[in-house]
């Protein structure tokens, strides 16, 4: 791998259409035509298919090629349709799901970005990330890295990329029906932290900047600017928002007139350009027109296509390279295809293959986790992953809360619940009691909040939000 920052790239996660728009009908001022874009996608997909191992796998050591899943989805190819030699028993989705389900994945000492990477790529592959298997809930895994002492950060705050990709994964990986899984209070806390880390020049880097004048005034990075602006937009921030406009202007300021490339902190390269364009795509900002058309009539998309080998389909990392880079090809094609950082899976063409696969019930006796938030209505949001072992194919809200008292990560998410047994209405959580119109309510997978009762049925993979209020 020719590019620097391999360790950071491994830790990050990158995938796909968080609000992406199609680059098929373009104004006359655009330089890469719809036909060129279509050819780039066709050849690029063929190249990414060539990266599949004989056993059907993409994920592996180093800069894992599983990022190809978000790119396939953005380009309109279902991951379940990608199979070595047409052997559908080894299709990439099934192999990846089996990997995610193992206790050994991702590594002995995982970091939050491992689970964010898994969430984004599983979603793009058509694997419900909260229902990978009876034991694997990737959303709950991400929740476990909530920083209680610095609410809104996921993983050590110094590695700001973990918080950016928390927003990209938790908001980007919607339910199978297309709903947001997480409550607005959690989204707001993420947005607040991302805004607080925006540099004076309008961009971001992977390093924490909040509260540090020196870092806030330092040069930003094209890559993380693309990811951070995408994280804001997928969280509901409009493209007209001041922080998004400033980020767009930062990217514009790095354009190289002759080629249309973004000149990143790491030099001109396809991966940085891919991330920058993905950020624009996610915010619905056309990277081929207006602000991103240089005086020489070039755009960042033109730069990417100019560094693609056709008909072989791979992309160079740097213009001076003499061969394609797998990772740069994944980043570049995702951008050319109009993708952000994850995309809902396309409908498969393989006969009988469903668009989604998911664990349907708990397995009695198999330890699992659930994602839980508790909002006391006064700014005291708690976020955690609850570990428990179900005794049947479903469980109840009361049993989940009882388990959270001693089995939550981070701890302290639930310190007490009243009543502590039975099937009745929940009247007190963490010392906050129902009072008048202010009562505890529950939402599951983004459903409307309704009265919380201990006998509320909870299914495998449900994302649970509790809120006190009218």
Protein backbone atom coordinates (compact mmCIF):
# COMPACT_ATOMS: atom_id res chain seq x y z
CA UNK A 1 0.00 0.00 0.00
CA UNK A 2 1.62 3.22 -1.15
CA UNK A 3 -0.35 5.67 0.91
CA UNK A 4 0.61 6.91 4.37
CA UNK A 5 -1.69 6.60 7.39
CA UNK A 6 -2.37 2.91 6.95
CA UNK A 7 -3.04 2.49 10.66
CA UNK A 8 -5.59 5.29 10.64
CA UNK A 9 -7.25 3.95 7.53
CA UNK A 10 -7.54 0.53 9.15
CA UNK A 11 -9.15 2.02 12.23
CA UNK A 12 -11.62 4.09 10.26
CA UNK A 13 -14.62 2.92 8.44
CA UNK A 14 -15.92 4.23 5.23
CA UNK A 15 -19.14 3.37 3.48
CA UNK A 16 -22.06 4.87 1.39
CA UNK A 17 -25.30 6.61 0.26
CA UNK A 18 -26.09 8.65 3.33
CA UNK A 19 -28.25 10.90 1.30
CA UNK A 20 -26.35 10.37 -1.94
CA UNK A 21 -27.83 11.59 -5.17
CA UNK A 22 -27.54 10.09 -8.62
CA UNK A 23 -24.96 11.57 -10.98
CA UNK A 24 -26.75 10.61 -14.15
CA UNK A 25 -28.40 13.77 -15.43
CA UNK A 26 -25.90 16.60 -15.23
CA UNK A 27 -25.92 20.25 -16.24
CA UNK A 28 -24.03 21.23 -19.37
CA UNK A 29 -21.19 22.68 -17.29
CA UNK A 30 -20.26 19.25 -15.93
CA UNK A 31 -17.25 17.66 -17.56
CA UNK A 32 -17.61 13.91 -16.98
CA UNK A 33 -20.64 12.82 -19.00
CA UNK A 34 -23.29 10.33 -17.87
CA UNK A 35 -21.79 7.83 -20.32
CA UNK A 36 -18.32 8.25 -18.79
CA UNK A 37 -19.74 7.82 -15.30
CA UNK A 38 -21.60 4.69 -16.35
CA UNK A 39 -18.46 3.22 -17.91
CA UNK A 40 -16.44 4.05 -14.82
CA UNK A 41 -18.99 2.28 -12.62
CA UNK A 42 -19.22 -0.78 -14.85
CA UNK A 43 -15.46 -1.23 -15.09
CA UNK A 44 -14.90 -0.34 -11.45
CA UNK A 45 -17.40 -2.93 -10.24
CA UNK A 46 -15.71 -5.56 -12.40
CA UNK A 47 -12.36 -4.70 -10.77
CA UNK A 48 -13.80 -4.90 -7.25
CA UNK A 49 -15.29 -8.29 -8.03
CA UNK A 50 -11.79 -9.46 -8.97
CA UNK A 51 -10.65 -8.72 -5.39
CA UNK A 52 -12.87 -11.45 -3.95
CA UNK A 53 -10.96 -14.41 -2.55
CA UNK A 54 -11.68 -17.96 -3.69
CA UNK A 55 -13.59 -18.62 -0.45
CA UNK A 56 -15.87 -15.65 -1.14
CA UNK A 57 -14.30 -13.34 1.42
CA UNK A 58 -13.29 -9.71 1.25
CA UNK A 59 -12.51 -8.93 4.89
CA UNK A 60 -8.98 -9.65 6.03
CA UNK A 61 -5.89 -8.21 7.67
CA UNK A 62 -4.60 -4.73 6.91
CA UNK A 63 -6.70 -2.33 4.86
CA UNK A 64 -9.68 -4.63 4.62
CA UNK A 65 -11.41 -4.85 1.25
CA UNK A 66 -14.80 -5.25 2.94
CA UNK A 67 -15.16 -1.52 2.28
CA UNK A 68 -16.02 -2.70 -1.23
CA UNK A 69 -19.51 -3.52 0.07
CA UNK A 70 -20.49 0.13 0.47
CA UNK A 71 -19.07 0.82 -2.97
CA UNK A 72 -20.94 -2.07 -4.57
CA UNK A 73 -24.18 -0.78 -3.04
CA UNK A 74 -23.57 2.78 -4.23
CA UNK A 75 -22.89 1.44 -7.73
CA UNK A 76 -26.11 -0.59 -7.72
CA UNK A 77 -24.63 -4.07 -7.21
CA UNK A 78 -26.01 -6.26 -4.42
CA UNK A 79 -23.23 -7.85 -2.35
CA UNK A 80 -25.13 -11.15 -2.28
CA UNK A 81 -24.75 -11.23 -6.07
CA UNK A 82 -20.93 -11.17 -5.78
CA UNK A 83 -19.72 -14.77 -5.77
CA UNK A 84 -16.46 -16.39 -6.95
CA UNK A 85 -17.00 -18.22 -10.20
CA UNK A 86 -20.73 -17.83 -9.76
CA UNK A 87 -20.75 -20.15 -6.72
CA UNK A 88 -23.64 -18.61 -4.79
CA UNK A 89 -22.85 -20.69 -1.70
CA UNK A 90 -19.76 -18.49 -1.32
CA UNK A 91 -21.44 -15.16 -1.97
CA UNK A 92 -19.77 -12.20 -0.27
CA UNK A 93 -22.72 -11.38 2.00
CA UNK A 94 -23.04 -14.83 3.52
CA UNK A 95 -19.31 -15.12 4.07
CA UNK A 96 -19.16 -11.69 5.72
CA UNK A 97 -22.15 -12.39 7.94
CA UNK A 98 -20.53 -15.61 9.11
CA UNK A 99 -17.35 -13.71 9.92
CA UNK A 100 -19.17 -11.01 11.89
CA UNK A 101 -20.96 -13.70 13.89
CA UNK A 102 -17.77 -15.26 15.23
CA UNK A 103 -16.56 -14.48 18.75
CA UNK A 104 -13.04 -13.89 17.39
CA UNK A 105 -14.14 -10.98 15.21
CA UNK A 106 -12.91 -8.27 15.03
CA UNK A 107 -9.76 -8.68 17.16
CA UNK A 108 -8.61 -9.41 20.70
CA UNK A 109 -8.66 -5.73 21.71
CA UNK A 110 -11.28 -4.08 19.52
CA UNK A 111 -11.79 -0.36 19.10
CA UNK A 112 -15.03 1.44 18.33
CA UNK A 113 -14.19 1.93 14.67
CA UNK A 114 -14.05 -1.85 14.19
CA UNK A 115 -17.75 -2.03 15.00
CA UNK A 116 -18.58 1.13 13.06
CA UNK A 117 -16.84 -0.36 10.02
CA UNK A 118 -18.81 -3.56 10.49
CA UNK A 119 -22.09 -1.66 10.87
CA UNK A 120 -21.63 0.39 7.70
CA UNK A 121 -20.53 -2.52 5.56
CA UNK A 122 -23.08 -4.99 6.93
CA UNK A 123 -25.86 -2.50 6.18
CA UNK A 124 -24.64 -1.98 2.62
CA UNK A 125 -24.44 -5.76 2.19
CA UNK A 126 -28.04 -6.25 3.28
CA UNK A 127 -27.24 -7.60 6.73
CA UNK A 128 -29.27 -5.91 9.47
CA UNK A 129 -26.40 -4.71 11.68
CA UNK A 130 -28.34 -5.07 14.93
CA UNK A 131 -29.45 -8.58 14.00
CA UNK A 132 -26.35 -10.17 12.47
CA UNK A 133 -26.84 -13.33 14.54
CA UNK A 134 -28.29 -14.49 17.85
CA UNK A 135 -25.16 -13.18 19.57
CA UNK A 136 -23.98 -10.27 17.39
CA UNK A 137 -25.58 -6.83 17.55
CA UNK A 138 -23.21 -4.30 15.97
CA UNK A 139 -25.27 -1.28 17.03
CA UNK A 140 -25.04 -2.41 20.65
CA UNK A 141 -21.30 -2.90 20.21
CA UNK A 142 -20.96 0.74 19.12
CA UNK A 143 -23.10 1.94 22.05
CA UNK A 144 -20.68 0.31 24.48
CA UNK A 145 -18.01 2.91 23.59
CA UNK A 146 -20.08 5.91 24.75
CA UNK A 147 -17.91 8.22 26.83
CA UNK A 148 -19.81 8.93 30.04
CA UNK A 149 -17.37 11.66 31.10
CA UNK A 150 -17.58 13.34 27.67
CA UNK A 151 -21.13 12.73 26.42
CA UNK A 152 -21.40 12.69 22.66
CA UNK A 153 -18.02 11.06 22.05
CA UNK A 154 -17.63 7.40 21.14
CA UNK A 155 -14.27 5.87 21.94
CA UNK A 156 -11.41 8.03 23.28
CA UNK A 157 -12.22 11.62 22.35
CA UNK A 158 -8.67 12.18 21.14
CA UNK A 159 -9.47 9.86 18.23
CA UNK A 160 -12.23 12.07 16.88
CA UNK A 161 -12.81 9.78 13.92
CA UNK A 162 -14.54 7.33 16.27
CA UNK A 163 -17.24 9.92 16.96
CA UNK A 164 -17.64 10.89 13.30
CA UNK A 165 -18.11 7.27 12.31
CA UNK A 166 -20.48 6.73 15.22
CA UNK A 167 -22.79 9.27 13.59
CA UNK A 168 -22.25 7.77 10.14
CA UNK A 169 -23.04 4.25 11.34
CA UNK A 170 -25.75 4.86 13.94
CA UNK A 171 -27.68 7.28 11.72
CA UNK A 172 -26.66 5.84 8.36
CA UNK A 173 -27.62 2.24 9.08
CA UNK A 174 -31.37 2.65 9.18
CA UNK A 175 -33.94 -0.05 9.85
CA UNK A 176 -34.99 -2.34 7.02
CA UNK A 177 -38.03 -0.07 6.60
CA UNK A 178 -35.79 3.01 6.31
CA UNK A 179 -36.40 4.53 9.76
CA UNK A 180 -33.79 6.09 12.02
CA UNK A 181 -33.04 3.65 14.85
CA UNK A 182 -31.57 6.05 17.38
CA UNK A 183 -33.39 8.78 19.34
CA UNK A 184 -33.03 12.45 18.54
CA UNK A 185 -31.28 13.12 21.86
CA UNK A 186 -28.41 10.85 20.84
CA UNK A 187 -28.26 12.36 17.37
CA UNK A 188 -28.13 15.85 18.89
CA UNK A 189 -25.25 14.91 21.18
CA UNK A 190 -23.23 13.61 18.21
CA UNK A 191 -23.95 16.69 16.12
CA UNK A 192 -22.89 18.97 18.99
CA UNK A 193 -19.51 17.25 19.30
CA UNK A 194 -18.86 17.22 15.55
CA UNK A 195 -19.63 20.93 15.30
CA UNK A 196 -17.35 21.65 18.27
CA UNK A 197 -14.42 20.01 16.46
CA UNK A 198 -14.69 22.01 13.23
CA UNK A 199 -11.48 23.91 12.53
CA UNK A 200 -11.34 27.62 11.83
CA UNK A 201 -10.67 26.89 8.14
CA UNK A 202 -13.98 25.01 7.92
CA UNK A 203 -12.73 21.43 7.89
CA UNK A 204 -11.82 18.66 10.32
CA UNK A 205 -9.05 16.17 11.03
CA UNK A 206 -9.10 12.82 12.86
CA UNK A 207 -7.66 14.59 15.91
CA UNK A 208 -9.83 16.11 18.63
CA UNK A 209 -9.93 19.89 18.26
CA UNK A 210 -12.63 20.91 20.72
CA UNK A 211 -11.22 23.22 23.38
CA UNK A 212 -7.76 23.30 21.79
CA UNK A 213 -7.06 26.63 20.07
CA UNK A 214 -3.89 25.34 18.44
CA UNK A 215 -5.64 22.40 16.81
CA UNK A 216 -8.70 24.46 15.88
CA UNK A 217 -6.42 26.84 14.00
CA UNK A 218 -4.42 24.10 12.30
CA UNK A 219 -4.91 22.94 8.72
CA UNK A 220 -7.78 20.56 8.07
CA UNK A 221 -7.75 17.28 6.19
CA UNK A 222 -9.81 16.63 3.04
CA UNK A 223 -10.57 13.06 4.14
CA UNK A 224 -12.06 13.81 7.55
CA UNK A 225 -13.78 16.92 6.25
CA UNK A 226 -15.69 14.73 3.83
CA UNK A 227 -16.52 12.23 6.56
CA UNK A 228 -17.53 14.86 9.14
CA UNK A 229 -19.75 16.83 6.79
CA UNK A 230 -21.40 13.54 5.75
CA UNK A 231 -21.91 12.69 9.43
CA UNK A 232 -23.69 15.99 9.95
CA UNK A 233 -25.87 15.63 6.87
CA UNK A 234 -26.87 12.04 7.62
CA UNK A 235 -27.82 13.31 11.09
CA UNK A 236 -30.30 15.72 9.54
CA UNK A 237 -28.20 18.88 9.18
CA UNK A 238 -29.16 20.60 5.90
CA UNK A 239 -26.64 21.47 3.21
CA UNK A 240 -27.48 25.17 3.75
CA UNK A 241 -26.26 25.02 7.37
CA UNK A 242 -23.36 27.38 8.09
CA UNK A 243 -21.02 24.57 9.14
CA UNK A 244 -21.73 22.59 5.96
CA UNK A 245 -21.20 25.69 3.81
CA UNK A 246 -17.88 26.33 5.57
CA UNK A 247 -16.83 22.72 4.98
CA UNK A 248 -17.78 22.98 1.32
CA UNK A 249 -15.73 26.17 1.02
CA UNK A 250 -12.75 24.45 2.65
CA UNK A 251 -12.88 21.65 0.08
CA UNK A 252 -13.22 24.21 -2.69
CA UNK A 253 -10.12 26.01 -1.41
CA UNK A 254 -8.00 22.89 -1.94
CA UNK A 255 -8.92 22.37 -5.62
CA UNK A 256 -6.06 21.99 -8.08
CA UNK A 257 -6.99 24.01 -11.15
CA UNK A 258 -5.36 21.79 -13.76
CA UNK A 259 -6.86 18.46 -12.65
CA UNK A 260 -9.83 19.17 -10.38
CA UNK A 261 -8.18 17.20 -7.54
CA UNK A 262 -8.39 18.11 -3.89
CA UNK A 263 -4.87 18.77 -2.60
CA UNK A 264 -5.05 17.02 0.77
CA UNK A 265 -2.64 17.05 3.69
CA UNK A 266 -1.34 13.79 2.21
CA UNK A 267 -0.90 15.15 -1.29
CA UNK A 268 -3.07 14.63 -4.33
CA UNK A 269 -4.52 11.10 -4.21
CA UNK A 270 -7.65 9.18 -5.15
CA UNK A 271 -8.61 8.08 -1.64
CA UNK A 272 -8.66 11.59 -0.18
CA UNK A 273 -10.57 12.79 -3.23
CA UNK A 274 -13.00 9.92 -2.79
CA UNK A 275 -13.72 10.87 0.82
CA UNK A 276 -14.12 14.55 -0.06
CA UNK A 277 -16.55 13.77 -2.88
CA UNK A 278 -18.41 11.29 -0.66
CA UNK A 279 -18.99 14.08 1.84
CA UNK A 280 -20.41 16.32 -0.87
CA UNK A 281 -22.58 13.46 -2.17
CA UNK A 282 -23.95 12.77 1.30
CA UNK A 283 -24.98 16.41 1.62
CA UNK A 284 -26.58 16.52 -1.83
CA UNK A 285 -23.93 18.90 -3.18
CA UNK A 286 -23.06 18.16 -6.81
CA UNK A 287 -19.24 17.80 -7.05
CA UNK A 288 -19.30 18.28 -10.82
CA UNK A 289 -20.71 21.78 -11.12
CA UNK A 290 -20.62 25.31 -9.79
CA UNK A 291 -18.13 25.61 -6.92
CA UNK A 292 -16.21 22.48 -7.90
CA UNK A 293 -15.63 23.26 -11.56
CA UNK A 294 -12.16 24.81 -11.86
CA UNK A 295 -11.16 27.53 -14.31
CA UNK A 296 -9.68 24.74 -16.44
CA UNK A 297 -13.05 23.01 -16.52
CA UNK A 298 -12.08 20.13 -14.22
CA UNK A 299 -13.81 18.64 -11.16
CA UNK A 300 -12.84 16.16 -8.43
CA UNK A 301 -14.84 13.49 -10.28
CA UNK A 302 -12.85 14.20 -13.46
CA UNK A 303 -9.67 13.66 -11.46
CA UNK A 304 -10.86 10.31 -10.20
CA UNK A 305 -11.92 9.05 -13.61
CA UNK A 306 -8.61 10.24 -15.09
CA UNK A 307 -6.83 7.94 -12.64
CA UNK A 308 -8.87 4.86 -13.51
CA UNK A 309 -7.48 2.11 -15.71
CA UNK A 310 -10.02 1.20 -18.36
CA UNK A 311 -11.28 -1.33 -19.14
CA UNK A 312 -9.45 -2.97 -16.19
CA UNK A 313 -11.40 -0.73 -13.79
CA UNK A 314 -8.95 -0.15 -10.94
CA UNK A 315 -7.89 3.31 -9.78
CA UNK A 316 -4.40 4.60 -9.00
CA UNK A 317 -3.75 5.94 -5.53
CA UNK A 318 -1.48 8.69 -6.87
CA UNK A 319 -1.32 9.93 -10.46
CA UNK A 320 2.34 8.86 -10.63
CA UNK A 321 1.56 5.25 -9.68
CA UNK A 322 1.92 2.57 -12.33
CA UNK A 323 -0.81 0.22 -11.12
CA UNK A 324 -4.16 0.21 -9.33
CA UNK A 325 -4.67 0.24 -5.56
CA UNK A 326 -7.51 -1.85 -4.17
CA UNK A 327 -8.28 0.57 -1.37
CA UNK A 328 -8.05 3.68 -3.54
CA UNK A 329 -10.32 1.97 -6.06
CA UNK A 330 -12.94 1.37 -3.39
CA UNK A 331 -12.82 4.99 -2.22
CA UNK A 332 -12.80 6.43 -5.73
CA UNK A 333 -15.56 4.31 -7.22
CA UNK A 334 -17.86 4.94 -4.25
CA UNK A 335 -17.52 8.67 -4.93
CA UNK A 336 -17.94 8.39 -8.69
CA UNK A 337 -21.07 6.29 -8.14
CA UNK A 338 -22.62 9.08 -6.07
CA UNK A 339 -22.17 7.38 -2.69
CA UNK A 340 -21.63 8.84 0.74
CA UNK A 341 -20.50 6.43 3.47
CA UNK A 342 -23.13 3.71 3.38
CA UNK A 343 -26.05 2.80 1.15
CA UNK A 344 -29.13 0.65 1.55
CA UNK A 345 -28.59 -2.61 -0.33
CA UNK A 346 -29.88 -2.89 -3.90
CA UNK A 347 -32.43 -5.59 -4.74
CA UNK A 348 -30.44 -8.73 -5.66
CA UNK A 349 -30.64 -10.43 -9.05
CA UNK A 350 -29.71 -13.85 -7.66
CA UNK A 351 -32.91 -15.93 -7.73
CA UNK A 352 -34.36 -16.35 -4.26
CA UNK A 353 -31.86 -14.03 -2.56
CA UNK A 354 -33.61 -11.54 -0.23
CA UNK A 355 -32.62 -7.89 -0.05
CA UNK A 356 -32.03 -8.28 3.71
CA UNK A 357 -30.94 -11.05 6.03
CA UNK A 358 -31.37 -10.85 9.81
CA UNK A 359 -31.67 -12.94 12.94
CA UNK A 360 -35.41 -13.19 13.62
CA UNK A 361 -35.54 -14.21 17.30
CA UNK A 362 -33.40 -14.54 20.39
CA UNK A 363 -31.92 -17.97 20.96
CA UNK A 364 -32.61 -19.11 24.51
CA UNK A 365 -29.35 -19.55 26.41
CA UNK A 366 -27.25 -17.59 23.88
CA UNK A 367 -25.73 -14.43 25.38
CA UNK A 368 -26.45 -11.29 23.41
CA UNK A 369 -26.57 -7.48 23.69
CA UNK A 370 -29.07 -4.70 23.14
CA UNK A 371 -28.56 -0.96 22.53
CA UNK A 372 -30.19 1.23 25.18
CA UNK A 373 -30.52 4.97 25.82
CA UNK A 374 -32.06 6.54 28.92
CA UNK A 375 -33.01 10.24 28.70
CA UNK A 376 -34.17 11.84 31.95
CA UNK A 377 -35.58 14.86 30.14
CA UNK A 378 -33.10 17.21 31.81
CA UNK A 379 -30.02 16.68 29.67
CA UNK A 380 -28.90 13.53 31.46
CA UNK A 381 -28.64 11.18 28.49
CA UNK A 382 -27.17 7.76 29.24
CA UNK A 383 -26.08 5.36 26.48
CA UNK A 384 -25.05 1.75 26.93
CA UNK A 385 -24.94 -1.79 25.62
CA UNK A 386 -26.87 -4.25 27.79
CA UNK A 387 -25.52 -7.80 28.03
CA UNK A 388 -27.94 -10.55 28.98
CA UNK A 389 -28.89 -14.13 28.21
CA UNK A 390 -32.49 -14.55 27.06
CA UNK A 391 -34.57 -17.48 28.22
CA UNK A 392 -36.91 -17.45 25.24
CA UNK A 393 -37.33 -16.15 21.69
CA UNK A 394 -38.41 -12.74 23.00
CA UNK A 395 -37.83 -10.84 26.23
CA UNK A 396 -39.43 -7.92 28.05
CA UNK A 397 -38.44 -4.34 28.73
CA UNK A 398 -38.45 -5.06 32.45
CA UNK A 399 -35.99 -7.90 32.09
CA UNK A 400 -33.72 -5.76 29.92
CA UNK A 401 -33.68 -2.96 32.49
CA UNK A 402 -32.99 -5.39 35.31
CA UNK A 403 -30.07 -6.76 33.31
CA UNK A 404 -28.81 -3.24 32.66
CA UNK A 405 -28.35 -2.58 36.37
CA UNK A 406 -25.41 -4.96 36.52
CA UNK A 407 -24.69 -5.80 32.87
CA UNK A 408 -24.35 -2.48 31.04
CA UNK A 409 -21.30 -1.04 29.29
CA UNK A 410 -20.59 1.67 30.21
CA UNK A 411 -21.95 1.05 33.69
CA UNK A 412 -24.45 3.30 35.42
CA UNK A 413 -26.88 3.40 32.52
CA UNK A 414 -29.61 2.03 34.79
CA UNK A 415 -29.13 2.14 38.55
CA UNK A 416 -32.64 1.18 39.50
CA UNK A 417 -36.13 0.64 38.11
CA UNK A 418 -39.55 0.66 39.76
CA UNK A 419 -41.30 -1.70 39.85
CA UNK A 420 -38.41 -4.15 39.83
CA UNK A 421 -40.62 -7.09 38.91
CA UNK A 422 -44.02 -7.88 37.49
CA UNK A 423 -45.68 -6.57 34.36
CA UNK A 424 -46.90 -3.09 35.28
CA UNK A 425 -46.18 0.45 34.20
CA UNK A 426 -42.63 1.67 34.87
CA UNK A 427 -42.90 4.53 37.35
CA UNK A 428 -39.26 5.32 38.17
CA UNK A 429 -35.88 4.90 36.49
CA UNK A 430 -32.64 6.06 38.10
CA UNK A 431 -34.57 7.94 40.79
CA UNK A 432 -36.62 9.93 38.27
CA UNK A 433 -40.28 9.24 39.04
CA UNK A 434 -43.39 9.76 36.98
CA UNK A 435 -45.02 13.02 37.98
CA UNK A 436 -48.18 14.43 36.46
CA UNK A 437 -47.84 14.48 32.69
CA UNK A 438 -44.13 13.68 32.97
CA UNK A 439 -43.79 9.93 32.60
CA UNK A 440 -41.37 7.35 31.26
CA UNK A 441 -41.98 6.40 27.66
CA UNK A 442 -40.26 3.92 25.33
CA UNK A 443 -39.41 3.80 21.64
CA UNK A 444 -38.08 0.75 19.77
CA UNK A 445 -36.15 1.12 16.52
CA UNK A 446 -37.32 4.70 16.13
CA UNK A 447 -41.03 4.08 16.76
CA UNK A 448 -43.19 6.76 18.39
CA UNK A 449 -42.65 7.05 22.14
CA UNK A 450 -45.39 5.39 24.19
CA UNK A 451 -45.93 4.50 27.84
CA UNK A 452 -43.23 2.21 29.23
CA UNK A 453 -44.39 -1.00 30.85
CA UNK A 454 -42.32 -3.88 32.16
CA UNK A 455 -44.16 -6.35 29.93
CA UNK A 456 -43.34 -4.46 26.71
CA UNK A 457 -42.10 -7.17 24.31
CA UNK A 458 -38.50 -6.71 23.14
CA UNK A 459 -37.22 -8.64 20.15
CA UNK A 460 -33.71 -9.55 19.08
CA UNK A 461 -31.72 -6.53 17.93
CA UNK A 462 -34.22 -3.91 19.06
CA UNK A 463 -32.70 -0.48 19.68
CA UNK A 464 -34.40 0.75 22.86
CA UNK A 465 -34.84 4.41 23.83
CA UNK A 466 -36.40 5.49 27.15
CA UNK A 467 -37.40 9.10 27.71
CA UNK A 468 -39.00 10.98 30.59
CA UNK A 469 -41.39 13.73 29.62
CA UNK A 470 -44.90 14.77 28.71
